[in-house]
Structures are given as structure tokens and as C-alpha cells.
Amino acid sequence: MGLKEAIIRASQGNEITKIWTDSLSSVMAVLDPHTPHKLVQDIQSVLTQNRNILVRWIKAHAGYRGNEEADTLAKKAITEGVVMKALNPRWEFKQYLQELFLKKMAKSLG
């Protein structure tokens, strides 16, 4: 479900977007042209219409910073019910990331 949401959000822009997931089964399902699953078919349809979106696999728990942070946020959302605001347009997302980075830097410096 998260992969579908990421792909749908990426389809709203024109930039080349790489979506990295540590779910190898999800990537394999998306690559299966004979899948019987409606959710996967929906994802395939969006990807077919948006050739600028690339779905790639990344090994889980291998120390990739972005992947570890995504896992942490996903667990937090499950346990605490945190709702992440969808940020559009892209410049707003960049601004949010810059602010988050500056807050983390200030906190670590102390």
C-alpha cells in the first residue's frame, strides 16, 4: 500500500523519480505481467503511464541511512498513529527537508 501511495504521489510531477523499497516481493510483484492482484495491477497501470517513475530494490537493514529512517518512521506511525502531511508542490517538500535537517543538526550539536 505504501509503494502505491509513493508511486501515485510521484506521478503528480514530471521529474524522474526513483522509489527505493526494501520489499523485494513488492518489486517482483510489480514486474510480474501476469499478476492476479488488483493492487499490483493498479501500480503497474500508473507506472505504465508514467515512465519517469523507477521502482528499485534496496537491501533491508544494511545501514542505508534513508532506509533506516523510513523504517523508523513507519514503526512510529504504527505505534503512535503519526500522520505524515503530504507536501506539494516539490519546493515545499524541499523546504520541509531543509528545516528538518537544520533541526537535527542543531540538536546533535547541542
PDB file of N, CA and C in Angstrom:
ATOM      1  N   MET A   1       0.817  -1.193   0.000  1.00  0.00           N
ATOM      2  CA  MET A   1       0.000   0.000   0.000  1.00  0.00           C
ATOM      3  C   MET A   1       0.867   1.266   0.000  1.00  0.00           C
ATOM      4  N   GLY A   2       1.955   1.246   0.772  1.00  0.00           N
ATOM      5  CA  GLY A   2       2.858   2.390   0.816  1.00  0.00           C
ATOM      6  C   GLY A   2       3.534   2.639  -0.517  1.00  0.00           C
ATOM      7  N   LEU A   3       3.888   1.563  -1.201  1.00  0.00           N
ATOM      8  CA  LEU A   3       4.513   1.689  -2.518  1.00  0.00           C
ATOM      9  C   LEU A   3       3.549   2.340  -3.498  1.00  0.00           C
ATOM     10  N   LYS A   4       2.306   1.918  -3.465  1.00  0.00           N
ATOM     11  CA  LYS A   4       1.302   2.506  -4.365  1.00  0.00           C
ATOM     12  C   LYS A   4       1.152   4.001  -4.088  1.00  0.00           C
ATOM     13  N   GLU A   5       1.090   4.367  -2.823  1.00  0.00           N
ATOM     14  CA  GLU A   5       0.945   5.780  -2.456  1.00  0.00           C
ATOM     15  C   GLU A   5       2.145   6.590  -2.936  1.00  0.00           C
ATOM     16  N   ALA A   6       3.339   6.059  -2.775  1.00  0.00           N
ATOM     17  CA  ALA A   6       4.544   6.757  -3.236  1.00  0.00           C
ATOM     18  C   ALA A   6       4.525   6.942  -4.747  1.00  0.00           C
ATOM     19  N   ILE A   7       4.090   5.921  -5.464  1.00  0.00           N
ATOM     20  CA  ILE A   7       4.034   5.993  -6.926  1.00  0.00           C
ATOM     21  C   ILE A   7       2.986   6.999  -7.376  1.00  0.00           C
ATOM     22  N   ILE A   8       1.845   7.004  -6.724  1.00  0.00           N
ATOM     23  CA  ILE A   8       0.788   7.960  -7.077  1.00  0.00           C
ATOM     24  C   ILE A   8       1.273   9.388  -6.844  1.00  0.00           C
ATOM     25  N   ARG A   9       1.927   9.632  -5.719  1.00  0.00           N
ATOM     26  CA  ARG A   9       2.445  10.980  -5.440  1.00  0.00           C
ATOM     27  C   ARG A   9       3.505  11.380  -6.465  1.00  0.00           C
ATOM     28  N   ALA A  10       4.371  10.447  -6.819  1.00  0.00           N
ATOM     29  CA  ALA A  10       5.412  10.736  -7.813  1.00  0.00           C
ATOM     30  C   ALA A  10       4.811  11.018  -9.180  1.00  0.00           C
ATOM     31  N   SER A  11       3.685  10.411  -9.476  1.00  0.00           N
ATOM     32  CA  SER A  11       3.056  10.592 -10.790  1.00  0.00           C
ATOM     33  C   SER A  11       2.480  11.990 -10.964  1.00  0.00           C
ATOM     34  N   GLN A  12       2.379  12.753  -9.885  1.00  0.00           N
ATOM     35  CA  GLN A  12       1.832  14.103  -9.962  1.00  0.00           C
ATOM     36  C   GLN A  12       2.861  15.109 -10.470  1.00  0.00           C
ATOM     37  N   GLY A  13       4.102  14.685 -10.593  1.00  0.00           N
ATOM     38  CA  GLY A  13       5.149  15.571 -11.092  1.00  0.00           C
ATOM     39  C   GLY A  13       5.704  15.055 -12.402  1.00  0.00           C
ATOM     40  N   ASN A  14       6.601  15.818 -12.980  1.00  0.00           N
ATOM     41  CA  ASN A  14       7.217  15.440 -14.253  1.00  0.00           C
ATOM     42  C   ASN A  14       8.671  15.010 -14.102  1.00  0.00           C
ATOM     43  N   GLU A  15       9.197  15.100 -12.878  1.00  0.00           N
ATOM     44  CA  GLU A  15      10.593  14.761 -12.658  1.00  0.00           C
ATOM     45  C   GLU A  15      10.802  13.250 -12.711  1.00  0.00           C
ATOM     46  N   ILE A  16      12.030  12.852 -13.031  1.00  0.00           N
ATOM     47  CA  ILE A  16      12.389  11.440 -12.916  1.00  0.00           C
ATOM     48  C   ILE A  16      12.477  11.134 -11.428  1.00  0.00           C
ATOM     49  N   THR A  17      11.750  10.134 -10.999  1.00  0.00           N
ATOM     50  CA  THR A  17      11.676   9.792  -9.586  1.00  0.00           C
ATOM     51  C   THR A  17      12.065   8.338  -9.386  1.00  0.00           C
ATOM     52  N   LYS A  18      13.015   8.114  -8.479  1.00  0.00           N
ATOM     53  CA  LYS A  18      13.389   6.754  -8.102  1.00  0.00           C
ATOM     54  C   LYS A  18      12.792   6.466  -6.732  1.00  0.00           C
ATOM     55  N   ILE A  19      12.026   5.403  -6.659  1.00  0.00           N
ATOM     56  CA  ILE A  19      11.434   4.980  -5.395  1.00  0.00           C
ATOM     57  C   ILE A  19      12.154   3.710  -4.969  1.00  0.00           C
ATOM     58  N   TRP A  20      12.816   3.781  -3.827  1.00  0.00           N
ATOM     59  CA  TRP A  20      13.572   2.647  -3.311  1.00  0.00           C
ATOM     60  C   TRP A  20      12.754   1.950  -2.240  1.00  0.00           C
ATOM     61  N   THR A  21      12.657   0.631  -2.322  1.00  0.00           N
ATOM     62  CA  THR A  21      11.943  -0.153  -1.327  1.00  0.00           C
ATOM     63  C   THR A  21      12.786  -1.354  -0.930  1.00  0.00           C
ATOM     64  N   ASP A  22      12.680  -1.738   0.343  1.00  0.00           N
ATOM     65  CA  ASP A  22      13.395  -2.935   0.781  1.00  0.00           C
ATOM     66  C   ASP A  22      12.511  -4.175   0.683  1.00  0.00           C
ATOM     67  N   SER A  23      11.365  -4.025   0.052  1.00  0.00           N
ATOM     68  CA  SER A  23      10.455  -5.154  -0.148  1.00  0.00           C
ATOM     69  C   SER A  23      10.693  -5.764  -1.528  1.00  0.00           C
ATOM     70  N   LEU A  24      11.532  -6.781  -1.556  1.00  0.00           N
ATOM     71  CA  LEU A  24      11.830  -7.445  -2.822  1.00  0.00           C
ATOM     72  C   LEU A  24      10.574  -8.074  -3.413  1.00  0.00           C
ATOM     73  N   SER A  25       9.708  -8.596  -2.554  1.00  0.00           N
ATOM     74  CA  SER A  25       8.477  -9.219  -3.059  1.00  0.00           C
ATOM     75  C   SER A  25       7.590  -8.195  -3.760  1.00  0.00           C
ATOM     76  N   SER A  26       7.580  -6.957  -3.272  1.00  0.00           N
ATOM     77  CA  SER A  26       6.790  -5.909  -3.930  1.00  0.00           C
ATOM     78  C   SER A  26       7.345  -5.596  -5.314  1.00  0.00           C
ATOM     79  N   VAL A  27       8.657  -5.478  -5.406  1.00  0.00           N
ATOM     80  CA  VAL A  27       9.284  -5.191  -6.700  1.00  0.00           C
ATOM     81  C   VAL A  27       9.021  -6.333  -7.674  1.00  0.00           C
ATOM     82  N   MET A  28       9.171  -7.564  -7.206  1.00  0.00           N
ATOM     83  CA  MET A  28       8.937  -8.724  -8.070  1.00  0.00           C
ATOM     84  C   MET A  28       7.479  -8.783  -8.529  1.00  0.00           C
ATOM     85  N   ALA A  29       6.553  -8.461  -7.629  1.00  0.00           N
ATOM     86  CA  ALA A  29       5.133  -8.470  -7.989  1.00  0.00           C
ATOM     87  C   ALA A  29       4.843  -7.435  -9.067  1.00  0.00           C
ATOM     88  N   VAL A  30       5.429  -6.248  -8.936  1.00  0.00           N
ATOM     89  CA  VAL A  30       5.216  -5.187  -9.922  1.00  0.00           C
ATOM     90  C   VAL A  30       5.773  -5.594 -11.287  1.00  0.00           C
ATOM     91  N   LEU A  31       6.829  -6.381 -11.288  1.00  0.00           N
ATOM     92  CA  LEU A  31       7.434  -6.825 -12.547  1.00  0.00           C
ATOM     93  C   LEU A  31       6.688  -7.991 -13.199  1.00  0.00           C
ATOM     94  N   ASP A  32       5.761  -8.607 -12.476  1.00  0.00           N
ATOM     95  CA  ASP A  32       5.033  -9.772 -12.991  1.00  0.00           C
ATOM     96  C   ASP A  32       3.871  -9.326 -13.880  1.00  0.00           C
ATOM     97  N   PRO A  33       3.952  -9.527 -15.194  1.00  0.00           N
ATOM     98  CA  PRO A  33       2.880  -9.082 -16.091  1.00  0.00           C
ATOM     99  C   PRO A  33       1.602  -9.920 -15.976  1.00  0.00           C
ATOM    100  N   HIS A  34       1.666 -11.032 -15.283  1.00  0.00           N
ATOM    101  CA  HIS A  34       0.504 -11.919 -15.172  1.00  0.00           C
ATOM    102  C   HIS A  34      -0.086 -11.936 -13.764  1.00  0.00           C
ATOM    103  N   THR A  35       0.196 -10.918 -12.976  1.00  0.00           N
ATOM    104  CA  THR A  35      -0.286 -10.900 -11.600  1.00  0.00           C
ATOM    105  C   THR A  35      -1.814 -10.855 -11.548  1.00  0.00           C
ATOM    106  N   PRO A  36      -2.414 -11.615 -10.639  1.00  0.00           N
ATOM    107  CA  PRO A  36      -3.867 -11.571 -10.483  1.00  0.00           C
ATOM    108  C   PRO A  36      -4.311 -10.521  -9.457  1.00  0.00           C
ATOM    109  N   HIS A  37      -3.358  -9.872  -8.796  1.00  0.00           N
ATOM    110  CA  HIS A  37      -3.677  -8.969  -7.695  1.00  0.00           C
ATOM    111  C   HIS A  37      -4.040  -7.568  -8.187  1.00  0.00           C
ATOM    112  N   LYS A  38      -5.194  -7.090  -7.784  1.00  0.00           N
ATOM    113  CA  LYS A  38      -5.715  -5.789  -8.219  1.00  0.00           C
ATOM    114  C   LYS A  38      -4.784  -4.648  -7.797  1.00  0.00           C
ATOM    115  N   LEU A  39      -4.289  -4.698  -6.572  1.00  0.00           N
ATOM    116  CA  LEU A  39      -3.397  -3.644  -6.089  1.00  0.00           C
ATOM    117  C   LEU A  39      -2.153  -3.538  -6.968  1.00  0.00           C
ATOM    118  N   VAL A  40      -1.573  -4.672  -7.302  1.00  0.00           N
ATOM    119  CA  VAL A  40      -0.376  -4.686  -8.151  1.00  0.00           C
ATOM    120  C   VAL A  40      -0.719  -4.217  -9.559  1.00  0.00           C
ATOM    121  N   GLN A  41      -1.866  -4.611 -10.069  1.00  0.00           N
ATOM    122  CA  GLN A  41      -2.297  -4.163 -11.397  1.00  0.00           C
ATOM    123  C   GLN A  41      -2.468  -2.647 -11.426  1.00  0.00           C
ATOM    124  N   ASP A  42      -3.007  -2.083 -10.342  1.00  0.00           N
ATOM    125  CA  ASP A  42      -3.152  -0.624 -10.250  1.00  0.00           C
ATOM    126  C   ASP A  42      -1.781   0.053 -10.299  1.00  0.00           C
ATOM    127  N   ILE A  43      -0.827  -0.493  -9.564  1.00  0.00           N
ATOM    128  CA  ILE A  43       0.532   0.055  -9.560  1.00  0.00           C
ATOM    129  C   ILE A  43       1.143  -0.033 -10.954  1.00  0.00           C
ATOM    130  N   GLN A  44       0.988  -1.175 -11.596  1.00  0.00           N
ATOM    131  CA  GLN A  44       1.525  -1.360 -12.949  1.00  0.00           C
ATOM    132  C   GLN A  44       0.922  -0.353 -13.921  1.00  0.00           C
ATOM    133  N   SER A  45      -0.358  -0.093 -13.774  1.00  0.00           N
ATOM    134  CA  SER A  45      -1.035   0.862 -14.654  1.00  0.00           C
ATOM    135  C   SER A  45      -0.445   2.265 -14.505  1.00  0.00           C
ATOM    136  N   VAL A  46      -0.241   2.691 -13.263  1.00  0.00           N
ATOM    137  CA  VAL A  46       0.333   4.018 -13.025  1.00  0.00           C
ATOM    138  C   VAL A  46       1.761   4.081 -13.566  1.00  0.00           C
ATOM    139  N   LEU A  47       2.541   3.024 -13.355  1.00  0.00           N
ATOM    140  CA  LEU A  47       3.919   3.006 -13.851  1.00  0.00           C
ATOM    141  C   LEU A  47       3.977   3.011 -15.371  1.00  0.00           C
ATOM    142  N   THR A  48       3.043   2.327 -16.016  1.00  0.00           N
ATOM    143  CA  THR A  48       2.996   2.297 -17.478  1.00  0.00           C
ATOM    144  C   THR A  48       2.719   3.690 -18.038  1.00  0.00           C
ATOM    145  N   GLN A  49       1.879   4.447 -17.345  1.00  0.00           N
ATOM    146  CA  GLN A  49       1.516   5.789 -17.796  1.00  0.00           C
ATOM    147  C   GLN A  49       2.567   6.834 -17.413  1.00  0.00           C
ATOM    148  N   ASN A  50       3.465   6.474 -16.519  1.00  0.00           N
ATOM    149  CA  ASN A  50       4.474   7.419 -16.021  1.00  0.00           C
ATOM    150  C   ASN A  50       5.846   6.767 -16.088  1.00  0.00           C
ATOM    151  N   ARG A  51       6.459   6.827 -17.248  1.00  0.00           N
ATOM    152  CA  ARG A  51       7.760   6.183 -17.458  1.00  0.00           C
ATOM    153  C   ARG A  51       8.890   6.875 -16.703  1.00  0.00           C
ATOM    154  N   ASN A  52       8.602   8.019 -16.096  1.00  0.00           N
ATOM    155  CA  ASN A  52       9.619   8.751 -15.344  1.00  0.00           C
ATOM    156  C   ASN A  52       9.742   8.260 -13.900  1.00  0.00           C
ATOM    157  N   ILE A  53       8.942   7.251 -13.516  1.00  0.00           N
ATOM    158  CA  ILE A  53       8.994   6.704 -12.163  1.00  0.00           C
ATOM    159  C   ILE A  53       9.690   5.348 -12.210  1.00  0.00           C
ATOM    160  N   LEU A  54      10.739   5.217 -11.420  1.00  0.00           N
ATOM    161  CA  LEU A  54      11.508   3.981 -11.374  1.00  0.00           C
ATOM    162  C   LEU A  54      11.405   3.377  -9.982  1.00  0.00           C
ATOM    163  N   VAL A  55      11.049   2.115  -9.898  1.00  0.00           N
ATOM    164  CA  VAL A  55      10.973   1.416  -8.615  1.00  0.00           C
ATOM    165  C   VAL A  55      12.188   0.502  -8.521  1.00  0.00           C
ATOM    166  N   ARG A  56      12.935   0.662  -7.446  1.00  0.00           N
ATOM    167  CA  ARG A  56      14.168  -0.093  -7.262  1.00  0.00           C
ATOM    168  C   ARG A  56      14.184  -0.756  -5.883  1.00  0.00           C
ATOM    169  N   TRP A  57      14.931  -1.856  -5.776  1.00  0.00           N
ATOM    170  CA  TRP A  57      15.060  -2.575  -4.520  1.00  0.00           C
ATOM    171  C   TRP A  57      16.356  -2.196  -3.828  1.00  0.00           C
ATOM    172  N   ILE A  58      16.292  -2.095  -2.501  1.00  0.00           N
ATOM    173  CA  ILE A  58      17.464  -1.835  -1.678  1.00  0.00           C
ATOM    174  C   ILE A  58      17.451  -2.851  -0.543  1.00  0.00           C
ATOM    175  N   LYS A  59      18.596  -3.371  -0.203  1.00  0.00           N
ATOM    176  CA  LYS A  59      18.686  -4.383   0.845  1.00  0.00           C
ATOM    177  C   LYS A  59      18.297  -3.782   2.199  1.00  0.00           C
ATOM    178  N   ALA A  60      17.432  -4.483   2.913  1.00  0.00           N
ATOM    179  CA  ALA A  60      16.976  -4.017   4.228  1.00  0.00           C
ATOM    180  C   ALA A  60      18.072  -4.186   5.278  1.00  0.00           C
ATOM    181  N   HIS A  61      18.058  -3.305   6.258  1.00  0.00           N
ATOM    182  CA  HIS A  61      18.951  -3.384   7.419  1.00  0.00           C
ATOM    183  C   HIS A  61      20.424  -3.516   7.026  1.00  0.00           C
ATOM    184  N   ALA A  62      20.790  -2.806   5.973  1.00  0.00           N
ATOM    185  CA  ALA A  62      22.178  -2.823   5.512  1.00  0.00           C
ATOM    186  C   ALA A  62      22.881  -1.509   5.841  1.00  0.00           C
ATOM    187  N   GLY A  63      22.224  -0.673   6.637  1.00  0.00           N
ATOM    188  CA  GLY A  63      22.836   0.572   7.060  1.00  0.00           C
ATOM    189  C   GLY A  63      22.605   1.754   6.146  1.00  0.00           C
ATOM    190  N   TYR A  64      21.744   1.608   5.149  1.00  0.00           N
ATOM    191  CA  TYR A  64      21.426   2.742   4.281  1.00  0.00           C
ATOM    192  C   TYR A  64      20.600   3.734   5.085  1.00  0.00           C
ATOM    193  N   ARG A  65      21.109   4.935   5.223  1.00  0.00           N
ATOM    194  CA  ARG A  65      20.506   5.922   6.115  1.00  0.00           C
ATOM    195  C   ARG A  65      19.039   6.185   5.810  1.00  0.00           C
ATOM    196  N   GLY A  66      18.720   6.459   4.575  1.00  0.00           N
ATOM    197  CA  GLY A  66      17.330   6.758   4.229  1.00  0.00           C
ATOM    198  C   GLY A  66      16.399   5.597   4.507  1.00  0.00           C
ATOM    199  N   ASN A  67      16.882   4.382   4.273  1.00  0.00           N
ATOM    200  CA  ASN A  67      16.062   3.201   4.515  1.00  0.00           C
ATOM    201  C   ASN A  67      15.821   2.998   6.008  1.00  0.00           C
ATOM    202  N   GLU A  68      16.848   3.200   6.809  1.00  0.00           N
ATOM    203  CA  GLU A  68      16.696   3.052   8.258  1.00  0.00           C
ATOM    204  C   GLU A  68      15.726   4.101   8.804  1.00  0.00           C
ATOM    205  N   GLU A  69      15.818   5.329   8.295  1.00  0.00           N
ATOM    206  CA  GLU A  69      14.904   6.383   8.735  1.00  0.00           C
ATOM    207  C   GLU A  69      13.471   6.071   8.318  1.00  0.00           C
ATOM    208  N   ALA A  70      13.293   5.534   7.120  1.00  0.00           N
ATOM    209  CA  ALA A  70      11.954   5.160   6.657  1.00  0.00           C
ATOM    210  C   ALA A  70      11.366   4.070   7.545  1.00  0.00           C
ATOM    211  N   ASP A  71      12.185   3.091   7.921  1.00  0.00           N
ATOM    212  CA  ASP A  71      11.718   2.036   8.823  1.00  0.00           C
ATOM    213  C   ASP A  71      11.304   2.612  10.171  1.00  0.00           C
ATOM    214  N   THR A  72      12.116   3.522  10.693  1.00  0.00           N
ATOM    215  CA  THR A  72      11.811   4.149  11.977  1.00  0.00           C
ATOM    216  C   THR A  72      10.499   4.921  11.914  1.00  0.00           C
ATOM    217  N   LEU A  73      10.309   5.699  10.847  1.00  0.00           N
ATOM    218  CA  LEU A  73       9.070   6.469  10.699  1.00  0.00           C
ATOM    219  C   LEU A  73       7.858   5.558  10.532  1.00  0.00           C
ATOM    220  N   ALA A  74       8.017   4.465   9.801  1.00  0.00           N
ATOM    221  CA  ALA A  74       6.904   3.529   9.610  1.00  0.00           C
ATOM    222  C   ALA A  74       6.505   2.899  10.940  1.00  0.00           C
ATOM    223  N   LYS A  75       7.486   2.497  11.736  1.00  0.00           N
ATOM    224  CA  LYS A  75       7.197   1.909  13.047  1.00  0.00           C
ATOM    225  C   LYS A  75       6.537   2.933  13.961  1.00  0.00           C
ATOM    226  N   LYS A  76       7.011   4.160  13.898  1.00  0.00           N
ATOM    227  CA  LYS A  76       6.433   5.222  14.720  1.00  0.00           C
ATOM    228  C   LYS A  76       4.981   5.477  14.323  1.00  0.00           C
ATOM    229  N   ALA A  77       4.711   5.475  13.041  1.00  0.00           N
ATOM    230  CA  ALA A  77       3.338   5.695  12.567  1.00  0.00           C
ATOM    231  C   ALA A  77       2.412   4.584  13.045  1.00  0.00           C
ATOM    232  N   ILE A  78       2.918   3.352  13.078  1.00  0.00           N
ATOM    233  CA  ILE A  78       2.101   2.226  13.532  1.00  0.00           C
ATOM    234  C   ILE A  78       1.835   2.316  15.026  1.00  0.00           C
ATOM    235  N   THR A  79       2.861   2.609  15.811  1.00  0.00           N
ATOM    236  CA  THR A  79       2.707   2.602  17.266  1.00  0.00           C
ATOM    237  C   THR A  79       2.071   3.872  17.816  1.00  0.00           C
ATOM    238  N   GLU A  80       2.342   5.013  17.181  1.00  0.00           N
ATOM    239  CA  GLU A  80       1.857   6.287  17.708  1.00  0.00           C
ATOM    240  C   GLU A  80       0.744   6.916  16.885  1.00  0.00           C
ATOM    241  N   GLY A  81       0.449   6.327  15.752  1.00  0.00           N
ATOM    242  CA  GLY A  81      -0.608   6.884  14.912  1.00  0.00           C
ATOM    243  C   GLY A  81      -0.229   8.211  14.284  1.00  0.00           C
ATOM    244  N   VAL A  82       1.046   8.397  14.005  1.00  0.00           N
ATOM    245  CA  VAL A  82       1.528   9.640  13.417  1.00  0.00           C
ATOM    246  C   VAL A  82       1.054   9.737  11.974  1.00  0.00           C
ATOM    247  N   VAL A  83       0.513  10.875  11.622  1.00  0.00           N
ATOM    248  CA  VAL A  83       0.085  11.105  10.247  1.00  0.00           C
ATOM    249  C   VAL A  83       1.078  12.064   9.613  1.00  0.00           C
ATOM    250  N   MET A  84       1.662  11.634   8.514  1.00  0.00           N
ATOM    251  CA  MET A  84       2.604  12.483   7.794  1.00  0.00           C
ATOM    252  C   MET A  84       1.831  13.334   6.793  1.00  0.00           C
ATOM    253  N   LYS A  85       2.064  14.615   6.805  1.00  0.00           N
ATOM    254  CA  LYS A  85       1.407  15.510   5.863  1.00  0.00           C
ATOM    255  C   LYS A  85       2.038  15.346   4.486  1.00  0.00           C
ATOM    256  N   ALA A  86       1.202  15.195   3.493  1.00  0.00           N
ATOM    257  CA  ALA A  86       1.701  15.145   2.111  1.00  0.00           C
ATOM    258  C   ALA A  86       2.029  16.566   1.681  1.00  0.00           C
ATOM    259  N   LEU A  87       3.226  16.774   1.238  1.00  0.00           N
ATOM    260  CA  LEU A  87       3.674  18.117   0.887  1.00  0.00           C
ATOM    261  C   LEU A  87       3.731  18.276  -0.620  1.00  0.00           C
ATOM    262  N   ASN A  88       2.985  19.209  -1.105  1.00  0.00           N
ATOM    263  CA  ASN A  88       3.010  19.561  -2.523  1.00  0.00           C
ATOM    264  C   ASN A  88       3.040  21.063  -2.601  1.00  0.00           C
ATOM    265  N   PRO A  89       3.653  21.634  -3.524  1.00  0.00           N
ATOM    266  CA  PRO A  89       4.488  21.108  -4.594  1.00  0.00           C
ATOM    267  C   PRO A  89       5.868  20.704  -4.090  1.00  0.00           C
ATOM    268  N   ARG A  90       6.748  20.374  -5.021  1.00  0.00           N
ATOM    269  CA  ARG A  90       8.064  19.839  -4.689  1.00  0.00           C
ATOM    270  C   ARG A  90       8.900  20.816  -3.867  1.00  0.00           C
ATOM    271  N   TRP A  91       8.831  22.110  -4.182  1.00  0.00           N
ATOM    272  CA  TRP A  91       9.631  23.087  -3.446  1.00  0.00           C
ATOM    273  C   TRP A  91       9.255  23.089  -1.972  1.00  0.00           C
ATOM    274  N   GLU A  92       7.983  22.825  -1.664  1.00  0.00           N
ATOM    275  CA  GLU A  92       7.537  22.790  -0.279  1.00  0.00           C
ATOM    276  C   GLU A  92       8.165  21.594   0.445  1.00  0.00           C
ATOM    277  N   PHE A  93       8.258  20.479  -0.266  1.00  0.00           N
ATOM    278  CA  PHE A  93       8.888  19.294   0.298  1.00  0.00           C
ATOM    279  C   PHE A  93      10.369  19.556   0.564  1.00  0.00           C
ATOM    280  N   LYS A  94      11.045  20.209  -0.381  1.00  0.00           N
ATOM    281  CA  LYS A  94      12.464  20.535  -0.196  1.00  0.00           C
ATOM    282  C   LYS A  94      12.652  21.450   1.020  1.00  0.00           C
ATOM    283  N   GLN A  95      11.761  22.419   1.158  1.00  0.00           N
ATOM    284  CA  GLN A  95      11.840  23.334   2.288  1.00  0.00           C
ATOM    285  C   GLN A  95      11.656  22.573   3.601  1.00  0.00           C
ATOM    286  N   TYR A  96      10.698  21.663   3.621  1.00  0.00           N
ATOM    287  CA  TYR A  96      10.454  20.851   4.810  1.00  0.00           C
ATOM    288  C   TYR A  96      11.699  20.032   5.172  1.00  0.00           C
ATOM    289  N   LEU A  97      12.323  19.411   4.168  1.00  0.00           N
ATOM    290  CA  LEU A  97      13.522  18.606   4.418  1.00  0.00           C
ATOM    291  C   LEU A  97      14.671  19.465   4.939  1.00  0.00           C
ATOM    292  N   GLN A  98      14.823  20.673   4.397  1.00  0.00           N
ATOM    293  CA  GLN A  98      15.877  21.570   4.870  1.00  0.00           C
ATOM    294  C   GLN A  98      15.650  21.935   6.335  1.00  0.00           C
ATOM    295  N   GLU A  99      14.405  22.243   6.687  1.00  0.00           N
ATOM    296  CA  GLU A  99      14.093  22.595   8.070  1.00  0.00           C
ATOM    297  C   GLU A  99      14.339  21.411   9.004  1.00  0.00           C
ATOM    298  N   LEU A 100      13.937  20.233   8.574  1.00  0.00           N
ATOM    299  CA  LEU A 100      14.153  19.028   9.367  1.00  0.00           C
ATOM    300  C   LEU A 100      15.645  18.771   9.568  1.00  0.00           C
ATOM    301  N   PHE A 101      16.415  18.928   8.504  1.00  0.00           N
ATOM    302  CA  PHE A 101      17.864  18.744   8.578  1.00  0.00           C
ATOM    303  C   PHE A 101      18.481  19.734   9.562  1.00  0.00           C
ATOM    304  N   LEU A 102      18.091  21.005   9.464  1.00  0.00           N
ATOM    305  CA  LEU A 102      18.649  22.023  10.354  1.00  0.00           C
ATOM    306  C   LEU A 102      18.299  21.748  11.811  1.00  0.00           C
ATOM    307  N   LYS A 103      17.084  21.284  12.066  1.00  0.00           N
ATOM    308  CA  LYS A 103      16.687  20.940  13.436  1.00  0.00           C
ATOM    309  C   LYS A 103      17.516  19.781  13.966  1.00  0.00           C
ATOM    310  N   LYS A 104      17.731  18.766  13.134  1.00  0.00           N
ATOM    311  CA  LYS A 104      18.534  17.615  13.565  1.00  0.00           C
ATOM    312  C   LYS A 104      19.980  18.028  13.820  1.00  0.00           C
ATOM    313  N   MET A 105      20.519  18.888  12.970  1.00  0.00           N
ATOM    314  CA  MET A 105      21.893  19.360  13.153  1.00  0.00           C
ATOM    315  C   MET A 105      22.014  20.161  14.449  1.00  0.00           C
ATOM    316  N   ALA A 106      21.058  21.051  14.689  1.00  0.00           N
ATOM    317  CA  ALA A 106      21.087  21.859  15.905  1.00  0.00           C
ATOM    318  C   ALA A 106      20.990  20.970  17.145  1.00  0.00           C
ATOM    319  N   LYS A 107      20.172  19.951  17.064  1.00  0.00           N
ATOM    320  CA  LYS A 107      20.002  19.036  18.190  1.00  0.00           C
ATOM    321  C   LYS A 107      21.281  18.235  18.439  1.00  0.00           C
ATOM    322  N   SER A 108      21.923  17.782  17.377  1.00  0.00           N
ATOM    323  CA  SER A 108      23.137  16.974  17.538  1.00  0.00           C
ATOM    324  C   SER A 108      24.331  17.813  18.002  1.00  0.00           C
ATOM    325  N   LEU A 109      24.333  19.098  17.646  1.00  0.00           N
ATOM    326  CA  LEU A 109      25.425  19.976  18.068  1.00  0.00           C
ATOM    327  C   LEU A 109      25.211  20.510  19.473  1.00  0.00           C
ATOM    328  N   GLY A 110      23.962  20.421  19.879  1.00  0.00           N
ATOM    329  CA  GLY A 110      23.623  20.763  21.097  1.00  0.00           C
ATOM    330  C   GLY A 110      23.350  21.481  22.171  1.00  0.00           C
TER     331      GLY A 110
END
